Amino acid sequence: MNYRKDKYGNNLSILGYGCMRFSRAAGKIDIDKAEQEIMAAFRNGVNYYDTAYVYSGSEAALGEILERNHIREQVAIATKLPHYLIRTADSMERYFQEQLKRLRTNYVDYYLMHMLTDVKTWERLKSLGIIEWLEQKKKSGAIRQVGFSYHGNSDMFCQLTDAYNWDFCQIQYNYMDENTQAGRRGLQYAAEKGLPVIIMEPLRGGKLVNNLPREAKKLFETYPVKRSPAAWAFCWLWNQPEVTCVLSGMNSLDMIEENVKTASEISVGEFGSEEEKMLQKAVQAINAKMKVRCTGCGYCMPCPKNVDIPGTFAAYNRCYSEGKRAAFMEYFMCTGMRKTSSAASNCIECGKCEQHCPQHIEIRKELKKARRQLEGPMYKIGRKIISLFKLY
C-alpha cells in the first residue's frame, strides 16, 4: 500500500474505505460481510475509513467492527457533522456525542462539515458558535482534524477553502469531472494552501465501470497496458500528487483485492502522456451522448444571476449517460441545497455568457432545456423543504 501525508505528517493510505455502500440484507447492513471486507482492507494497509451521520447504520456498523477486532487505534475514522440539521449550538454537541456512541470511540480523527454548500452556510454556522465549539473539541482531543466535503463549482469551493483554517477537504473528482464540480482547479487551489484533499466518487458511483459505452470498453480492452476500467480511473487520480486519498465504496473481496493491488503499484509520473491521450478518447466516447458540448471551461462564468452554467450542463448531460436519477441528485446538490440558488431557472437571458463561450453554445436555449428536464416537481418540493427548514 502506498501512503501520502496529511497536514500534520500522518500517513494516510492512498486508498480509503468509503462506508456508505455496505451490503445489506433485509434492509439492514450485513455486519458479518462488512467485517470480512473491512478486515481484508485493513490487513492490506487501508487505514482511512469514511462514514457520516446520515449514512443509515454505517457509523454503528463501523464502530462495532473496529471494536470487535481491537483495531480502533490503528485506523483513522472520518465522519461528518450534519450541519443542515443544526439549529442551536447545543445540537452540535448532541449530534457529536451520538456519533461517538455509534462509533464506540471517544475521538474522531477527521471531522467534516457534510456537504458544505457555500460561504453563507458557513457564516450561519459561525453565528451559532461552531468555530469555538470545534476549537474546544480539537483542544480536548475529541476531534483531531477539521474539514469539509463539497459538491459544487470551483469558485465557491475556493471561497470556502479560504473561509477557515481547515485541516483537509473532500471533493467529488474523477476523469469525467476534471472541469466540473471543484475540478482540477479546486484540487490544485486546496493543495497550494497546504490542504490534503480526499476524493469521493472516483468512479461516479460505479458508473465508470458498469455503465461504460461499448466504444469506451473497447479502448480499455485493446490498450497495450492492461488495466480494468476501475484501475484506469484510480491511476488517473493517484498520478496527481495533489490527491491525498481516494475513497472507494468497496463491498466485495474481489473489489478490495483489485483496488489494493492498484494502490500498491501506482506512483506519481507512471501514468504518462499516452495514457492521458487514451483516457481522453474514453471520455469522448462516454460523452458521445452529450446533449450540450460543454467542456466546463468556465469562460461563461460568473453569471450575474448566479446560475451554475457548467454544473447545470454537466447534470443535464448526465441524464443521457447515467440516467435521470443520478442527474437529478447531482443537480440538486449543486444548485438547490444552498441559500442562494444557482439553478437554471434563475436565468434572465441577458446573453453575457454566450459572448464568452469558446464552443459557441446557445447557452440560453440549452438552459431552458436543462431546466425542463431537471427542475420538475421533485426539485421544487426539495427547494421548498430546504427553505422551510433552513437546511443550508
Protein backbone atom coordinates (compact mmCIF):
# COMPACT_ATOMS: atom_id res chain seq x y z
CA MET A 1 0.00 0.00 0.00
CA ASN A 2 1.24 3.47 -0.85
CA TYR A 3 0.75 6.33 1.61
CA ARG A 4 0.68 10.12 1.48
CA LYS A 5 0.91 12.65 4.30
CA ASP A 6 -1.86 14.67 5.87
CA LYS A 7 -1.35 18.25 7.06
CA TYR A 8 0.44 17.10 10.20
CA GLY A 9 2.64 14.41 8.69
CA ASN A 10 0.48 11.38 9.42
CA ASN A 11 0.50 8.60 6.84
CA LEU A 12 -2.82 8.03 5.06
CA SER A 13 -3.32 5.10 2.72
CA ILE A 14 -3.97 6.47 -0.77
CA LEU A 15 -6.95 4.10 -0.89
CA GLY A 16 -9.64 4.94 1.64
CA TYR A 17 -12.66 2.86 2.56
CA GLY A 18 -16.00 4.55 1.83
CA CYS A 19 -18.53 3.10 4.26
CA MET A 20 -21.71 4.38 2.64
CA ARG A 21 -22.27 1.31 0.45
CA PHE A 22 -22.02 -1.61 2.88
CA SER A 23 -24.00 -4.62 1.61
CA ARG A 24 -27.48 -5.00 3.10
CA ALA A 25 -29.75 -7.95 3.85
CA ALA A 26 -33.43 -7.48 4.68
CA GLY A 27 -32.85 -3.74 4.78
CA LYS A 28 -30.04 -3.90 7.36
CA ILE A 29 -26.29 -3.77 6.94
CA ASP A 30 -24.83 -7.27 6.65
CA ILE A 31 -22.41 -6.76 9.54
CA ASP A 32 -20.54 -10.06 9.10
CA LYS A 33 -19.92 -9.44 5.39
CA ALA A 34 -18.89 -5.85 6.07
CA GLU A 35 -16.49 -7.11 8.77
CA GLN A 36 -14.81 -9.52 6.36
CA GLU A 37 -14.35 -6.74 3.82
CA ILE A 38 -13.11 -4.10 6.26
CA MET A 39 -10.64 -6.51 7.81
CA ALA A 40 -9.37 -7.58 4.37
CA ALA A 41 -8.76 -3.92 3.56
CA PHE A 42 -7.13 -3.32 6.96
CA ARG A 43 -4.76 -6.28 6.57
CA ASN A 44 -3.71 -4.85 3.21
CA GLY A 45 -2.83 -1.44 4.64
CA VAL A 46 -6.02 0.63 4.28
CA ASN A 47 -6.14 2.94 7.31
CA TYR A 48 -8.75 5.61 6.41
CA TYR A 49 -12.46 4.81 6.91
CA ASP A 50 -15.09 7.35 5.89
CA THR A 51 -18.68 7.42 7.15
CA ALA A 52 -21.32 10.01 8.07
CA TYR A 53 -24.20 10.64 10.46
CA VAL A 54 -26.78 10.26 7.69
CA TYR A 55 -25.39 7.02 6.18
CA SER A 56 -28.02 4.74 7.63
CA GLY A 57 -26.42 2.25 10.04
CA SER A 58 -22.91 2.95 8.76
CA GLU A 59 -21.37 4.62 11.82
CA ALA A 60 -22.71 1.94 14.15
CA ALA A 61 -21.51 -0.89 11.89
CA LEU A 62 -18.04 0.60 11.55
CA GLY A 63 -17.77 1.17 15.31
CA GLU A 64 -18.82 -2.40 16.08
CA ILE A 65 -16.36 -3.88 13.58
CA LEU A 66 -13.42 -1.82 14.83
CA GLU A 67 -14.25 -2.72 18.44
CA ARG A 68 -14.71 -6.42 17.71
CA ASN A 69 -11.26 -6.59 16.14
CA HIS A 70 -9.49 -4.23 18.57
CA ILE A 71 -8.12 -2.01 15.79
CA ARG A 72 -9.60 1.40 16.64
CA GLU A 73 -6.21 2.89 17.49
CA GLN A 74 -4.68 1.60 14.26
CA VAL A 75 -7.07 3.34 11.86
CA ALA A 76 -8.39 6.82 11.17
CA ILE A 77 -12.14 7.43 11.34
CA ALA A 78 -13.62 10.20 9.21
CA THR A 79 -17.22 11.16 9.85
CA LYS A 80 -19.38 14.18 9.19
CA LEU A 81 -21.47 16.69 11.12
CA PRO A 82 -24.97 17.06 9.57
CA HIS A 83 -24.80 20.85 9.75
CA TYR A 84 -28.04 21.13 7.75
CA LEU A 85 -29.88 19.70 10.79
CA ILE A 86 -28.33 22.09 13.28
CA ARG A 87 -30.46 24.90 14.69
CA THR A 88 -28.72 25.67 18.00
CA ALA A 89 -25.26 25.49 19.48
CA ASP A 90 -26.37 22.66 21.77
CA SER A 91 -27.35 20.48 18.81
CA MET A 92 -23.73 20.33 17.61
CA GLU A 93 -22.77 18.64 20.84
CA ARG A 94 -25.80 16.37 20.79
CA TYR A 95 -25.09 15.04 17.30
CA PHE A 96 -21.39 14.64 18.05
CA GLN A 97 -21.99 12.66 21.22
CA GLU A 98 -24.41 10.41 19.34
CA GLN A 99 -21.75 9.81 16.72
CA LEU A 100 -19.13 8.91 19.33
CA LYS A 101 -21.59 6.43 20.84
CA ARG A 102 -22.31 4.85 17.48
CA LEU A 103 -18.61 4.64 16.62
CA ARG A 104 -17.71 3.28 20.08
CA THR A 105 -14.87 5.75 20.46
CA ASN A 106 -14.04 8.90 22.38
CA TYR A 107 -12.49 10.80 19.48
CA VAL A 108 -12.79 11.30 15.71
CA ASP A 109 -9.66 11.63 13.62
CA TYR A 110 -11.13 13.58 10.69
CA TYR A 111 -14.37 15.51 11.20
CA LEU A 112 -16.09 17.10 8.22
CA MET A 113 -18.85 19.62 7.71
CA HIS A 114 -21.02 17.41 5.50
CA MET A 115 -21.87 18.86 2.07
CA LEU A 116 -20.97 22.42 2.99
CA THR A 117 -22.69 24.35 0.24
CA ASP A 118 -21.49 27.95 0.33
CA VAL A 119 -19.91 30.67 2.45
CA LYS A 120 -23.33 31.89 3.66
CA THR A 121 -23.99 28.48 5.17
CA TRP A 122 -20.62 28.59 6.91
CA GLU A 123 -21.41 32.09 8.21
CA ARG A 124 -24.67 30.76 9.69
CA LEU A 125 -22.75 28.03 11.49
CA LYS A 126 -20.25 30.59 12.74
CA SER A 127 -23.11 32.64 14.19
CA LEU A 128 -24.10 29.55 16.20
CA GLY A 129 -20.60 29.28 17.64
CA ILE A 130 -19.22 26.43 15.59
CA ILE A 131 -15.66 27.78 15.47
CA GLU A 132 -15.45 27.98 19.26
CA TRP A 133 -17.00 24.52 19.54
CA LEU A 134 -14.57 22.99 17.04
CA GLU A 135 -11.57 24.63 18.67
CA GLN A 136 -12.63 23.31 22.07
CA LYS A 137 -13.02 19.80 20.63
CA LYS A 138 -9.62 19.97 18.99
CA LYS A 139 -8.03 21.21 22.20
CA SER A 140 -9.54 18.31 24.16
CA GLY A 141 -8.53 15.77 21.51
CA ALA A 142 -12.10 14.71 20.79
CA ILE A 143 -11.63 15.92 17.21
CA ARG A 144 -8.17 15.67 15.70
CA GLN A 145 -8.67 17.45 12.36
CA VAL A 146 -11.49 19.52 10.83
CA GLY A 147 -12.50 19.64 7.19
CA PHE A 148 -15.46 19.90 4.85
CA SER A 149 -16.96 17.93 1.98
CA TYR A 150 -18.27 19.77 -1.04
CA HIS A 151 -20.38 19.40 -4.20
CA GLY A 152 -20.50 22.45 -6.44
CA ASN A 153 -18.41 24.67 -8.67
CA SER A 154 -14.77 25.60 -8.27
CA ASP A 155 -15.37 29.30 -7.50
CA MET A 156 -17.40 28.60 -4.37
CA PHE A 157 -15.06 25.79 -3.38
CA CYS A 158 -12.11 28.19 -3.41
CA GLN A 159 -14.08 30.70 -1.33
CA LEU A 160 -14.91 28.02 1.23
CA THR A 161 -11.29 26.91 1.31
CA ASP A 162 -10.36 30.46 2.33
CA ALA A 163 -13.18 30.81 4.88
CA TYR A 164 -11.49 28.93 7.75
CA ASN A 165 -8.19 27.36 8.73
CA TRP A 166 -9.23 23.89 7.59
CA ASP A 167 -7.07 20.81 8.07
CA PHE A 168 -8.32 18.98 4.97
CA CYS A 169 -11.18 18.86 2.46
CA GLN A 170 -13.12 16.35 0.39
CA ILE A 171 -14.36 16.78 -3.19
CA GLN A 172 -16.01 14.81 -5.98
CA TYR A 173 -13.34 14.34 -8.63
CA ASN A 174 -12.74 11.87 -11.44
CA TYR A 175 -11.67 11.95 -15.08
CA MET A 176 -15.20 12.92 -16.13
CA ASP A 177 -15.38 15.77 -13.58
CA GLU A 178 -11.98 17.27 -14.30
CA ASN A 179 -13.57 20.59 -15.27
CA THR A 180 -16.83 20.43 -13.30
CA GLN A 181 -17.56 20.29 -9.56
CA ALA A 182 -14.48 21.62 -7.71
CA GLY A 183 -12.43 20.15 -10.55
CA ARG A 184 -8.71 20.22 -11.12
CA ARG A 185 -8.68 23.93 -10.37
CA GLY A 186 -10.16 23.36 -6.91
CA LEU A 187 -7.86 20.42 -6.23
CA GLN A 188 -4.78 22.45 -7.03
CA TYR A 189 -6.01 25.51 -5.15
CA ALA A 190 -6.50 23.47 -1.98
CA ALA A 191 -3.15 21.75 -2.37
CA GLU A 192 -1.38 25.09 -2.84
CA LYS A 193 -2.81 26.15 0.53
CA GLY A 194 -1.38 23.01 2.10
CA LEU A 195 -4.69 21.16 2.41
CA PRO A 196 -4.78 17.39 1.93
CA VAL A 197 -7.59 16.51 -0.50
CA ILE A 198 -9.77 13.43 -0.07
CA ILE A 199 -11.50 12.28 -3.24
CA MET A 200 -15.05 10.92 -3.35
CA GLU A 201 -16.94 9.48 -6.33
CA PRO A 202 -13.79 8.39 -8.21
CA LEU A 203 -15.98 6.04 -10.27
CA ARG A 204 -19.14 8.17 -10.18
CA GLY A 205 -20.93 5.62 -8.03
CA GLY A 206 -19.64 2.74 -10.18
CA LYS A 207 -20.89 4.26 -13.44
CA LEU A 208 -17.32 4.47 -14.82
CA VAL A 209 -17.16 0.69 -14.52
CA ASN A 210 -20.68 -0.63 -15.01
CA ASN A 211 -22.23 1.91 -17.40
CA LEU A 212 -19.44 2.42 -19.91
CA PRO A 213 -20.45 2.52 -23.59
CA ARG A 214 -19.12 -0.22 -25.81
CA GLU A 215 -16.66 2.13 -27.53
CA ALA A 216 -15.04 3.08 -24.21
CA LYS A 217 -14.83 -0.55 -23.09
CA LYS A 218 -13.08 -1.44 -26.33
CA LEU A 219 -10.49 1.29 -25.79
CA PHE A 220 -9.63 -0.12 -22.36
CA GLU A 221 -9.58 -3.71 -23.61
CA THR A 222 -7.29 -3.09 -26.58
CA TYR A 223 -4.76 -0.73 -24.94
CA PRO A 224 -1.31 -2.40 -24.60
CA VAL A 225 -1.17 -1.76 -20.82
CA LYS A 226 -3.89 -3.92 -19.33
CA ARG A 227 -5.94 -2.22 -16.60
CA SER A 228 -9.55 -2.60 -15.60
CA PRO A 229 -11.78 0.49 -16.05
CA ALA A 230 -11.63 0.99 -12.27
CA ALA A 231 -7.83 0.82 -12.27
CA TRP A 232 -7.68 3.40 -15.07
CA ALA A 233 -9.82 5.79 -13.03
CA PHE A 234 -7.76 5.30 -9.85
CA CYS A 235 -4.42 5.59 -11.64
CA TRP A 236 -5.50 8.87 -13.23
CA LEU A 237 -6.23 10.23 -9.75
CA TRP A 238 -3.16 8.86 -7.97
CA ASN A 239 -0.92 10.17 -10.73
CA GLN A 240 -1.71 13.65 -9.38
CA PRO A 241 0.42 14.46 -6.32
CA GLU A 242 -2.27 16.83 -5.00
CA VAL A 243 -4.57 13.85 -4.36
CA THR A 244 -4.06 12.52 -0.83
CA CYS A 245 -6.58 9.70 -0.51
CA VAL A 246 -9.24 8.25 -2.81
CA LEU A 247 -12.38 6.76 -1.28
CA SER A 248 -13.91 3.61 -2.69
CA GLY A 249 -17.23 2.15 -1.56
CA MET A 250 -15.91 -1.40 -1.68
CA ASN A 251 -18.45 -4.12 -0.96
CA SER A 252 -16.78 -7.29 -2.24
CA LEU A 253 -13.47 -9.01 -1.51
CA ASP A 254 -12.65 -9.04 -5.23
CA MET A 255 -13.10 -5.28 -5.40
CA ILE A 256 -10.85 -4.80 -2.39
CA GLU A 257 -8.17 -7.07 -3.81
CA GLU A 258 -8.12 -5.24 -7.14
CA ASN A 259 -8.12 -1.74 -5.63
CA VAL A 260 -5.42 -2.61 -3.10
CA LYS A 261 -3.25 -4.03 -5.89
CA THR A 262 -3.62 -0.82 -7.91
CA ALA A 263 -2.92 1.35 -4.85
CA SER A 264 0.21 -0.65 -4.08
CA GLU A 265 1.69 -0.42 -7.58
CA ILE A 266 0.95 3.10 -8.83
CA SER A 267 3.35 6.02 -8.42
CA VAL A 268 3.23 9.68 -9.48
CA GLY A 269 4.51 10.09 -13.04
CA GLU A 270 3.87 6.50 -14.02
CA PHE A 271 0.67 7.45 -15.83
CA GLY A 272 2.20 9.02 -18.95
CA SER A 273 1.04 11.21 -21.82
CA GLU A 274 -0.04 8.24 -23.94
CA GLU A 275 -2.29 7.00 -21.15
CA GLU A 276 -3.71 10.51 -20.79
CA LYS A 277 -4.49 10.58 -24.52
CA MET A 278 -6.17 7.20 -24.36
CA LEU A 279 -8.29 8.27 -21.40
CA GLN A 280 -9.37 11.41 -23.25
CA LYS A 281 -10.58 9.17 -26.07
CA ALA A 282 -12.59 7.23 -23.50
CA VAL A 283 -14.06 10.49 -22.21
CA GLN A 284 -15.06 11.40 -25.76
CA ALA A 285 -16.72 8.01 -26.19
CA ILE A 286 -18.61 8.43 -22.92
CA ASN A 287 -19.60 11.96 -23.89
CA ALA A 288 -20.93 10.89 -27.30
CA LYS A 289 -24.44 11.00 -25.83
CA MET A 290 -23.96 14.53 -24.52
CA LYS A 291 -26.76 16.95 -25.32
CA VAL A 292 -24.61 20.03 -24.75
CA ARG A 293 -20.98 20.15 -25.88
CA CYS A 294 -19.86 21.98 -22.76
CA THR A 295 -16.24 21.39 -21.76
CA GLY A 296 -16.63 23.00 -18.34
CA CYS A 297 -14.04 25.67 -19.15
CA GLY A 298 -15.95 28.28 -17.12
CA TYR A 299 -15.49 31.19 -19.54
CA CYS A 300 -19.25 31.79 -19.30
CA MET A 301 -18.94 32.49 -15.60
CA PRO A 302 -19.72 34.27 -13.36
CA CYS A 303 -23.40 34.60 -14.19
CA PRO A 304 -24.97 37.85 -12.90
CA LYS A 305 -27.90 35.76 -11.60
CA ASN A 306 -25.67 33.11 -10.04
CA VAL A 307 -26.59 30.30 -12.48
CA ASP A 308 -24.05 27.48 -12.30
CA ILE A 309 -23.88 27.07 -16.08
CA PRO A 310 -21.17 24.35 -16.33
CA GLY A 311 -22.71 22.45 -13.40
CA THR A 312 -26.16 22.60 -14.98
CA PHE A 313 -24.90 21.27 -18.29
CA ALA A 314 -22.88 18.53 -16.59
CA ALA A 315 -26.02 17.31 -14.80
CA TYR A 316 -28.14 17.68 -17.95
CA ASN A 317 -25.68 15.57 -19.94
CA ARG A 318 -25.65 13.03 -17.15
CA CYS A 319 -29.36 12.40 -17.78
CA TYR A 320 -28.39 10.73 -21.04
CA SER A 321 -25.22 8.96 -19.93
CA GLU A 322 -26.13 7.74 -16.45
CA GLY A 323 -29.87 8.22 -16.03
CA LYS A 324 -32.24 10.83 -14.68
CA ARG A 325 -31.91 9.89 -11.01
CA ALA A 326 -28.14 10.40 -10.91
CA ALA A 327 -28.50 13.62 -12.89
CA PHE A 328 -31.20 14.97 -10.57
CA MET A 329 -29.18 14.21 -7.43
CA GLU A 330 -26.11 15.97 -8.82
CA TYR A 331 -28.13 18.96 -9.98
CA PHE A 332 -30.00 19.32 -6.69
CA MET A 333 -26.81 19.10 -4.61
CA CYS A 334 -25.01 21.65 -6.79
CA THR A 335 -27.82 24.17 -7.28
CA GLY A 336 -30.65 23.56 -4.82
CA MET A 337 -29.05 22.76 -1.48
CA ARG A 338 -27.86 26.28 -0.81
CA LYS A 339 -29.33 29.50 0.47
CA THR A 340 -28.75 31.34 -2.81
CA SER A 341 -29.95 29.10 -5.62
CA SER A 342 -27.70 28.61 -8.64
CA ALA A 343 -30.42 26.92 -10.72
CA ALA A 344 -31.01 27.31 -14.45
CA SER A 345 -34.38 28.91 -13.70
CA ASN A 346 -32.54 31.99 -12.42
CA CYS A 347 -31.52 32.83 -15.99
CA ILE A 348 -32.86 36.17 -17.28
CA GLU A 349 -31.47 35.57 -20.80
CA CYS A 350 -29.10 38.53 -20.71
CA GLY A 351 -26.75 36.67 -23.08
CA LYS A 352 -23.48 37.73 -21.44
CA CYS A 353 -22.42 34.10 -21.11
CA GLU A 354 -22.75 33.43 -24.84
CA GLN A 355 -20.35 36.26 -25.67
CA HIS A 356 -17.53 34.36 -23.97
CA CYS A 357 -18.29 30.71 -24.83
CA PRO A 358 -15.45 29.27 -26.97
CA GLN A 359 -17.76 26.40 -28.02
CA HIS A 360 -20.36 28.89 -29.31
CA ILE A 361 -23.10 27.10 -27.37
CA GLU A 362 -26.56 28.67 -27.42
CA ILE A 363 -26.46 28.77 -23.63
CA ARG A 364 -29.81 30.47 -23.06
CA LYS A 365 -31.61 27.95 -25.25
CA GLU A 366 -29.86 24.97 -23.67
CA LEU A 367 -30.50 26.23 -20.12
CA LYS A 368 -34.23 26.20 -20.88
CA LYS A 369 -34.00 22.57 -21.97
CA ALA A 370 -31.99 21.65 -18.89
CA ARG A 371 -34.48 23.41 -16.63
CA ARG A 372 -37.39 21.46 -18.13
CA GLN A 373 -35.51 18.20 -17.61
CA LEU A 374 -34.09 18.84 -14.14
CA GLU A 375 -36.43 21.24 -12.34
CA GLY A 376 -39.60 19.18 -12.14
CA PRO A 377 -41.96 18.80 -9.17
CA MET A 378 -39.40 16.91 -7.05
CA TYR A 379 -36.86 19.72 -7.44
CA LYS A 380 -39.43 22.34 -6.43
CA ILE A 381 -40.56 20.30 -3.43
CA GLY A 382 -36.94 19.82 -2.39
CA ARG A 383 -36.23 23.53 -2.63
CA LYS A 384 -39.34 24.29 -0.57
CA ILE A 385 -38.21 21.86 2.14
CA ILE A 386 -34.71 23.36 2.12
CA SER A 387 -36.18 26.85 2.53
CA LEU A 388 -38.84 25.90 5.09
CA PHE A 389 -36.46 24.09 7.43
CA LYS A 390 -33.43 26.23 6.54
CA LEU A 391 -31.41 23.14 5.62
CA TYR A 392 -28.45 25.10 4.24
